[in-house]
Amino acid sequence: MSAGRWLLALLLAVACSRGAGPGDEPPLETVDLPPAPALNPEADPRAQPREERLGGLLPNDFPSDLPLHLPATVIDFQDLEKGWVSVTLATSGKPAVVREGLAAELRARGWAAGDGRWRKGKREIALTVEPTPGGCHYRYVYRRW
């Protein structure tokens, strides 16, 4: 027999042989698991409290007596005209909660509210809080002192 016929016979034998079919697989073992235990991280003495943190960097001259609602991320800061600076932060807090919390903290730090601005001595700032789909953005505008 020639080599070509042997090759053809071998190919036919391999093609027509019965391979492993779907019925030849061993059955899968399944195990019923008990329900997961109810976990309460607040009650776990090993749980580490999650720090409320600030993401990003504030400008070096950001006034230390301006409160921050944390957690928050600095999303923008820019120099404006005549020495004014704008700093915008994003937080997951609800706008009303953030607005009230920052206002209370400003008062506690000696700032007085008036006509949309806050004053402390000769210093003046503006604070705005705007809702976003994930919480809110709050923005301080202050003059470099």
N, C-alpha and C. Protein backbone atom coordinates (compact mmCIF):
# COMPACT_ATOMS: atom_id res chain seq x y z
N MET A 1 0.84 -1.15 0.00
CA MET A 1 0.00 0.00 0.00
C MET A 1 0.90 1.24 0.00
N SER A 2 0.48 2.25 -0.71
CA SER A 2 1.31 3.45 -0.80
C SER A 2 1.10 4.31 0.45
N ALA A 3 1.98 5.25 0.62
CA ALA A 3 1.93 6.13 1.79
C ALA A 3 0.65 6.96 1.79
N GLY A 4 0.18 7.37 0.61
CA GLY A 4 -1.04 8.16 0.52
C GLY A 4 -2.25 7.39 0.99
N ARG A 5 -2.29 6.05 0.63
CA ARG A 5 -3.42 5.22 1.05
C ARG A 5 -3.39 4.99 2.56
N TRP A 6 -2.18 4.82 3.11
CA TRP A 6 -2.07 4.63 4.56
C TRP A 6 -2.55 5.89 5.31
N LEU A 7 -2.17 7.01 4.78
CA LEU A 7 -2.58 8.26 5.40
C LEU A 7 -4.09 8.44 5.34
N LEU A 8 -4.68 8.11 4.18
CA LEU A 8 -6.13 8.20 4.03
C LEU A 8 -6.84 7.23 4.97
N ALA A 9 -6.33 6.02 5.10
CA ALA A 9 -6.93 5.02 5.99
C ALA A 9 -6.83 5.48 7.45
N LEU A 10 -5.70 6.04 7.80
CA LEU A 10 -5.51 6.52 9.16
C LEU A 10 -6.46 7.68 9.47
N LEU A 11 -6.60 8.62 8.53
CA LEU A 11 -7.52 9.74 8.73
C LEU A 11 -8.96 9.26 8.88
N LEU A 12 -9.36 8.29 8.06
CA LEU A 12 -10.72 7.75 8.17
C LEU A 12 -10.93 7.05 9.51
N ALA A 13 -9.94 6.33 9.96
CA ALA A 13 -10.07 5.61 11.23
C ALA A 13 -10.20 6.60 12.39
N VAL A 14 -9.42 7.66 12.36
CA VAL A 14 -9.48 8.65 13.44
C VAL A 14 -10.80 9.40 13.38
N ALA A 15 -11.24 9.77 12.18
CA ALA A 15 -12.47 10.53 12.04
C ALA A 15 -13.69 9.73 12.43
N CYS A 16 -13.66 8.45 12.19
CA CYS A 16 -14.82 7.61 12.49
C CYS A 16 -14.79 7.00 13.88
N SER A 17 -13.69 7.16 14.59
CA SER A 17 -13.63 6.56 15.93
C SER A 17 -14.54 7.34 16.87
N ARG A 18 -15.00 6.65 17.87
CA ARG A 18 -15.91 7.26 18.83
C ARG A 18 -15.07 7.97 19.90
N GLY A 19 -15.25 9.29 20.02
CA GLY A 19 -14.56 10.07 21.04
C GLY A 19 -15.41 10.13 22.29
N ALA A 20 -14.92 10.86 23.26
CA ALA A 20 -15.67 11.02 24.49
C ALA A 20 -16.89 11.89 24.20
N GLY A 21 -18.05 11.38 24.49
CA GLY A 21 -19.30 12.09 24.25
C GLY A 21 -19.80 12.72 25.52
N PRO A 22 -20.92 13.43 25.42
CA PRO A 22 -21.45 14.09 26.60
C PRO A 22 -21.86 13.12 27.70
N GLY A 23 -22.20 11.91 27.35
CA GLY A 23 -22.60 10.93 28.36
C GLY A 23 -21.43 10.30 29.08
N ASP A 24 -20.20 10.54 28.59
CA ASP A 24 -19.03 9.91 29.17
C ASP A 24 -18.41 10.71 30.31
N GLU A 25 -18.91 11.92 30.57
CA GLU A 25 -18.34 12.74 31.64
C GLU A 25 -18.85 12.28 32.99
N PRO A 26 -17.98 12.30 34.00
CA PRO A 26 -18.45 11.90 35.34
C PRO A 26 -19.43 12.96 35.86
N PRO A 27 -20.38 12.57 36.65
CA PRO A 27 -21.34 13.54 37.17
C PRO A 27 -20.65 14.51 38.14
N LEU A 28 -21.11 15.74 38.15
CA LEU A 28 -20.56 16.75 39.05
C LEU A 28 -21.09 16.54 40.46
N GLU A 29 -20.21 16.71 41.42
CA GLU A 29 -20.64 16.61 42.80
C GLU A 29 -21.10 17.98 43.27
N THR A 30 -22.22 18.04 43.91
CA THR A 30 -22.70 19.30 44.48
C THR A 30 -22.83 19.14 45.98
N VAL A 31 -22.64 20.24 46.65
CA VAL A 31 -22.71 20.24 48.11
C VAL A 31 -23.61 21.39 48.51
N ASP A 32 -24.55 21.14 49.40
CA ASP A 32 -25.39 22.21 49.93
C ASP A 32 -24.63 22.93 51.03
N LEU A 33 -24.54 24.25 50.90
CA LEU A 33 -23.83 25.06 51.88
C LEU A 33 -24.81 25.65 52.88
N PRO A 34 -24.37 25.78 54.12
CA PRO A 34 -25.24 26.43 55.10
C PRO A 34 -25.35 27.92 54.77
N PRO A 35 -26.38 28.59 55.27
CA PRO A 35 -26.49 30.03 54.99
C PRO A 35 -25.31 30.80 55.59
N ALA A 36 -24.95 31.88 54.93
CA ALA A 36 -23.83 32.71 55.40
C ALA A 36 -24.19 33.34 56.74
N PRO A 37 -23.22 33.45 57.62
CA PRO A 37 -23.52 34.08 58.91
C PRO A 37 -23.78 35.58 58.72
N ALA A 38 -24.64 36.10 59.55
CA ALA A 38 -24.92 37.54 59.51
C ALA A 38 -23.73 38.26 60.16
N LEU A 39 -23.13 39.17 59.42
CA LEU A 39 -21.97 39.90 59.93
C LEU A 39 -22.35 41.35 60.21
N ASN A 40 -21.87 41.83 61.32
CA ASN A 40 -22.10 43.22 61.68
C ASN A 40 -20.74 43.84 62.00
N PRO A 41 -20.14 44.59 61.03
CA PRO A 41 -18.81 45.15 61.28
C PRO A 41 -18.75 46.07 62.49
N GLU A 42 -19.84 46.75 62.80
CA GLU A 42 -19.82 47.65 63.95
C GLU A 42 -19.66 46.89 65.27
N ALA A 43 -20.16 45.65 65.31
CA ALA A 43 -20.08 44.86 66.54
C ALA A 43 -18.80 44.03 66.62
N ASP A 44 -18.04 43.96 65.55
CA ASP A 44 -16.83 43.15 65.51
C ASP A 44 -15.68 43.94 66.14
N PRO A 45 -15.12 43.44 67.25
CA PRO A 45 -14.03 44.19 67.90
C PRO A 45 -12.77 44.25 67.05
N ARG A 46 -12.64 43.36 66.06
CA ARG A 46 -11.46 43.37 65.20
C ARG A 46 -11.60 44.33 64.03
N ALA A 47 -12.80 44.80 63.78
CA ALA A 47 -13.04 45.68 62.63
C ALA A 47 -12.33 47.02 62.85
N GLN A 48 -11.69 47.48 61.82
CA GLN A 48 -11.02 48.77 61.87
C GLN A 48 -11.97 49.84 61.34
N PRO A 49 -12.16 50.92 62.07
CA PRO A 49 -13.05 51.97 61.55
C PRO A 49 -12.47 52.56 60.28
N ARG A 50 -13.36 52.83 59.35
CA ARG A 50 -12.94 53.43 58.09
C ARG A 50 -12.69 54.92 58.31
N GLU A 51 -11.52 55.35 57.93
CA GLU A 51 -11.17 56.75 58.13
C GLU A 51 -11.93 57.61 57.14
N GLU A 52 -12.38 58.75 57.62
CA GLU A 52 -12.93 59.73 56.71
C GLU A 52 -11.73 60.51 56.19
N ARG A 53 -11.56 60.46 54.88
CA ARG A 53 -10.33 60.99 54.32
C ARG A 53 -10.60 62.03 53.25
N LEU A 54 -9.55 62.75 52.95
CA LEU A 54 -9.56 63.72 51.87
C LEU A 54 -8.74 63.17 50.73
N GLY A 55 -9.34 63.08 49.55
CA GLY A 55 -8.62 62.65 48.36
C GLY A 55 -8.14 63.88 47.60
N GLY A 56 -6.92 63.82 47.15
CA GLY A 56 -6.36 64.95 46.42
C GLY A 56 -5.65 65.91 47.36
N LEU A 57 -5.12 66.96 46.78
CA LEU A 57 -4.35 67.93 47.56
C LEU A 57 -5.02 69.29 47.53
N LEU A 58 -5.10 69.90 48.68
CA LEU A 58 -5.58 71.28 48.77
C LEU A 58 -4.43 72.21 48.43
N PRO A 59 -4.73 73.42 47.96
CA PRO A 59 -3.65 74.39 47.74
C PRO A 59 -2.90 74.64 49.06
N ASN A 60 -1.64 74.96 48.96
CA ASN A 60 -0.83 75.19 50.16
C ASN A 60 -1.38 76.29 51.04
N ASP A 61 -2.04 77.27 50.42
CA ASP A 61 -2.55 78.40 51.20
C ASP A 61 -4.01 78.23 51.61
N PHE A 62 -4.55 77.02 51.53
CA PHE A 62 -5.94 76.81 51.94
C PHE A 62 -6.07 77.13 53.43
N PRO A 63 -7.00 78.00 53.79
CA PRO A 63 -7.11 78.42 55.19
C PRO A 63 -7.43 77.25 56.13
N SER A 64 -6.67 77.16 57.19
CA SER A 64 -6.85 76.05 58.13
C SER A 64 -8.13 76.17 58.94
N ASP A 65 -8.75 77.35 58.95
CA ASP A 65 -9.99 77.49 59.71
C ASP A 65 -11.25 77.31 58.85
N LEU A 66 -11.09 76.79 57.62
CA LEU A 66 -12.24 76.43 56.80
C LEU A 66 -12.49 74.93 56.97
N PRO A 67 -13.68 74.55 57.40
CA PRO A 67 -13.96 73.13 57.63
C PRO A 67 -14.14 72.36 56.33
N LEU A 68 -13.90 71.06 56.41
CA LEU A 68 -14.11 70.16 55.28
C LEU A 68 -15.12 69.11 55.67
N HIS A 69 -16.04 68.79 54.78
CA HIS A 69 -16.97 67.68 55.00
C HIS A 69 -16.31 66.45 54.38
N LEU A 70 -15.96 65.47 55.22
CA LEU A 70 -15.26 64.28 54.76
C LEU A 70 -16.16 63.06 54.80
N PRO A 71 -15.93 62.07 53.97
CA PRO A 71 -14.88 62.00 52.96
C PRO A 71 -15.19 62.92 51.79
N ALA A 72 -14.14 63.43 51.19
CA ALA A 72 -14.29 64.33 50.04
C ALA A 72 -13.06 64.20 49.16
N THR A 73 -13.22 64.64 47.92
CA THR A 73 -12.13 64.63 46.96
C THR A 73 -12.02 66.02 46.34
N VAL A 74 -10.81 66.54 46.31
CA VAL A 74 -10.58 67.82 45.64
C VAL A 74 -10.70 67.58 44.14
N ILE A 75 -11.66 68.25 43.50
CA ILE A 75 -11.83 68.04 42.06
C ILE A 75 -11.38 69.23 41.23
N ASP A 76 -11.19 70.39 41.86
CA ASP A 76 -10.74 71.55 41.10
C ASP A 76 -10.26 72.63 42.06
N PHE A 77 -9.21 73.32 41.69
CA PHE A 77 -8.88 74.58 42.34
C PHE A 77 -8.21 75.47 41.30
N GLN A 78 -8.51 76.74 41.41
CA GLN A 78 -7.96 77.67 40.42
C GLN A 78 -7.79 79.06 41.02
N ASP A 79 -6.83 79.76 40.47
CA ASP A 79 -6.61 81.16 40.84
C ASP A 79 -7.60 82.00 40.05
N LEU A 80 -8.28 82.88 40.75
CA LEU A 80 -9.22 83.80 40.12
C LEU A 80 -8.58 85.20 40.10
N GLU A 81 -9.33 86.18 39.70
CA GLU A 81 -8.81 87.55 39.64
C GLU A 81 -8.59 88.14 41.03
N LYS A 82 -7.67 89.07 41.10
CA LYS A 82 -7.43 89.89 42.30
C LYS A 82 -7.12 89.07 43.56
N GLY A 83 -6.41 87.95 43.40
CA GLY A 83 -5.98 87.18 44.56
C GLY A 83 -6.99 86.19 45.11
N TRP A 84 -8.13 86.04 44.46
CA TRP A 84 -9.13 85.09 44.93
C TRP A 84 -8.78 83.69 44.42
N VAL A 85 -9.14 82.68 45.20
CA VAL A 85 -8.89 81.28 44.87
C VAL A 85 -10.20 80.51 45.02
N SER A 86 -10.44 79.58 44.12
CA SER A 86 -11.62 78.72 44.18
C SER A 86 -11.17 77.28 44.38
N VAL A 87 -11.78 76.60 45.34
CA VAL A 87 -11.49 75.18 45.60
C VAL A 87 -12.82 74.43 45.63
N THR A 88 -12.94 73.41 44.77
CA THR A 88 -14.17 72.62 44.70
C THR A 88 -13.88 71.19 45.13
N LEU A 89 -14.75 70.67 46.00
CA LEU A 89 -14.61 69.30 46.50
C LEU A 89 -15.89 68.53 46.21
N ALA A 90 -15.75 67.23 45.99
CA ALA A 90 -16.90 66.35 45.77
C ALA A 90 -17.03 65.43 46.97
N THR A 91 -18.27 65.20 47.39
CA THR A 91 -18.54 64.30 48.51
C THR A 91 -19.82 63.53 48.24
N SER A 92 -19.99 62.42 48.90
CA SER A 92 -21.21 61.62 48.74
C SER A 92 -22.31 62.09 49.68
N GLY A 93 -22.04 63.08 50.50
CA GLY A 93 -23.03 63.60 51.43
C GLY A 93 -24.18 64.29 50.73
N LYS A 94 -25.33 64.30 51.39
CA LYS A 94 -26.50 64.99 50.84
C LYS A 94 -26.27 66.49 50.95
N PRO A 95 -26.69 67.25 49.92
CA PRO A 95 -26.42 68.69 49.91
C PRO A 95 -26.87 69.41 51.18
N ALA A 96 -28.08 69.15 51.66
CA ALA A 96 -28.57 69.85 52.86
C ALA A 96 -27.73 69.52 54.08
N VAL A 97 -27.33 68.27 54.21
CA VAL A 97 -26.51 67.85 55.35
C VAL A 97 -25.14 68.52 55.29
N VAL A 98 -24.55 68.53 54.09
CA VAL A 98 -23.23 69.15 53.92
C VAL A 98 -23.32 70.65 54.20
N ARG A 99 -24.32 71.32 53.63
CA ARG A 99 -24.49 72.77 53.81
C ARG A 99 -24.64 73.10 55.30
N GLU A 100 -25.54 72.39 55.98
CA GLU A 100 -25.78 72.66 57.40
C GLU A 100 -24.56 72.34 58.25
N GLY A 101 -23.89 71.24 57.95
CA GLY A 101 -22.70 70.86 58.72
C GLY A 101 -21.57 71.86 58.56
N LEU A 102 -21.32 72.29 57.32
CA LEU A 102 -20.26 73.27 57.10
C LEU A 102 -20.60 74.61 57.74
N ALA A 103 -21.88 75.02 57.63
CA ALA A 103 -22.30 76.29 58.24
C ALA A 103 -22.11 76.26 59.75
N ALA A 104 -22.50 75.16 60.38
CA ALA A 104 -22.35 75.04 61.84
C ALA A 104 -20.87 75.08 62.23
N GLU A 105 -20.05 74.40 61.45
CA GLU A 105 -18.62 74.37 61.75
C GLU A 105 -17.97 75.74 61.51
N LEU A 106 -18.40 76.44 60.46
CA LEU A 106 -17.88 77.80 60.24
C LEU A 106 -18.22 78.71 61.41
N ARG A 107 -19.47 78.64 61.87
CA ARG A 107 -19.87 79.46 63.03
C ARG A 107 -19.02 79.11 64.25
N ALA A 108 -18.81 77.81 64.47
CA ALA A 108 -18.02 77.37 65.62
C ALA A 108 -16.57 77.87 65.54
N ARG A 109 -16.10 78.13 64.33
CA ARG A 109 -14.72 78.60 64.15
C ARG A 109 -14.64 80.12 64.03
N GLY A 110 -15.75 80.79 64.37
CA GLY A 110 -15.72 82.25 64.43
C GLY A 110 -16.15 82.99 63.18
N TRP A 111 -16.68 82.29 62.18
CA TRP A 111 -17.15 82.95 60.96
C TRP A 111 -18.60 83.39 61.16
N ALA A 112 -18.95 84.54 60.58
CA ALA A 112 -20.32 85.06 60.65
C ALA A 112 -20.91 85.09 59.25
N ALA A 113 -22.15 84.60 59.13
CA ALA A 113 -22.82 84.56 57.83
C ALA A 113 -23.45 85.90 57.52
N GLY A 114 -23.46 86.24 56.23
CA GLY A 114 -24.12 87.47 55.80
C GLY A 114 -24.17 87.56 54.29
N ASP A 115 -25.28 87.92 53.76
CA ASP A 115 -25.56 88.12 52.33
C ASP A 115 -24.79 87.16 51.40
N GLY A 116 -24.86 85.88 51.68
CA GLY A 116 -24.23 84.87 50.83
C GLY A 116 -22.74 84.71 51.04
N ARG A 117 -22.19 85.45 51.94
CA ARG A 117 -20.75 85.35 52.23
C ARG A 117 -20.55 85.16 53.73
N TRP A 118 -19.36 84.71 54.07
CA TRP A 118 -18.99 84.52 55.47
C TRP A 118 -17.84 85.47 55.77
N ARG A 119 -17.87 86.05 56.95
CA ARG A 119 -16.83 87.00 57.35
C ARG A 119 -16.24 86.62 58.71
N LYS A 120 -14.94 86.88 58.80
CA LYS A 120 -14.22 86.69 60.06
C LYS A 120 -13.17 87.79 60.11
N GLY A 121 -13.44 88.81 60.91
CA GLY A 121 -12.56 89.98 60.90
C GLY A 121 -12.65 90.65 59.53
N LYS A 122 -11.50 90.88 58.91
CA LYS A 122 -11.47 91.48 57.58
C LYS A 122 -11.49 90.44 56.47
N ARG A 123 -11.48 89.20 56.85
CA ARG A 123 -11.47 88.11 55.85
C ARG A 123 -12.89 87.79 55.40
N GLU A 124 -13.00 87.35 54.16
CA GLU A 124 -14.30 87.03 53.59
C GLU A 124 -14.17 85.80 52.70
N ILE A 125 -15.18 84.92 52.76
CA ILE A 125 -15.21 83.74 51.89
C ILE A 125 -16.63 83.58 51.35
N ALA A 126 -16.74 82.78 50.31
CA ALA A 126 -18.05 82.36 49.80
C ALA A 126 -18.07 80.84 49.82
N LEU A 127 -19.21 80.28 50.16
CA LEU A 127 -19.40 78.83 50.17
C LEU A 127 -20.66 78.51 49.39
N THR A 128 -20.54 77.62 48.40
CA THR A 128 -21.71 77.15 47.66
C THR A 128 -21.72 75.63 47.71
N VAL A 129 -22.93 75.07 47.73
CA VAL A 129 -23.12 73.61 47.73
C VAL A 129 -24.10 73.30 46.61
N GLU A 130 -23.70 72.41 45.69
CA GLU A 130 -24.54 72.06 44.55
C GLU A 130 -24.76 70.56 44.52
N PRO A 131 -26.01 70.11 44.30
CA PRO A 131 -26.28 68.67 44.24
C PRO A 131 -25.67 68.05 42.98
N THR A 132 -25.26 66.80 43.12
CA THR A 132 -24.78 65.99 41.99
C THR A 132 -25.46 64.64 42.10
N PRO A 133 -25.41 63.82 41.04
CA PRO A 133 -26.05 62.50 41.13
C PRO A 133 -25.53 61.63 42.28
N GLY A 134 -24.26 61.77 42.64
CA GLY A 134 -23.69 60.94 43.70
C GLY A 134 -23.58 61.62 45.05
N GLY A 135 -24.11 62.80 45.21
CA GLY A 135 -23.97 63.54 46.48
C GLY A 135 -24.01 65.02 46.21
N CYS A 136 -22.84 65.69 46.35
CA CYS A 136 -22.80 67.12 46.05
C CYS A 136 -21.36 67.58 45.86
N HIS A 137 -21.23 68.77 45.29
CA HIS A 137 -19.96 69.48 45.21
C HIS A 137 -20.08 70.70 46.12
N TYR A 138 -19.06 70.97 46.89
CA TYR A 138 -19.05 72.23 47.64
C TYR A 138 -17.80 72.99 47.27
N ARG A 139 -17.98 74.31 47.23
CA ARG A 139 -16.93 75.17 46.70
C ARG A 139 -16.68 76.34 47.65
N TYR A 140 -15.42 76.51 47.98
CA TYR A 140 -14.99 77.68 48.74
C TYR A 140 -14.31 78.64 47.77
N VAL A 141 -14.62 79.92 47.92
CA VAL A 141 -13.88 80.98 47.23
C VAL A 141 -13.34 81.88 48.33
N TYR A 142 -12.03 82.04 48.36
CA TYR A 142 -11.40 82.84 49.41
C TYR A 142 -10.28 83.68 48.79
N ARG A 143 -9.91 84.71 49.49
CA ARG A 143 -8.81 85.56 49.05
C ARG A 143 -7.55 85.13 49.78
N ARG A 144 -6.45 85.14 49.06
CA ARG A 144 -5.17 84.85 49.72
C ARG A 144 -4.87 85.98 50.69
N TRP A 145 -4.55 85.63 51.93
CA TRP A 145 -4.33 86.65 52.96
C TRP A 145 -2.87 86.85 53.22
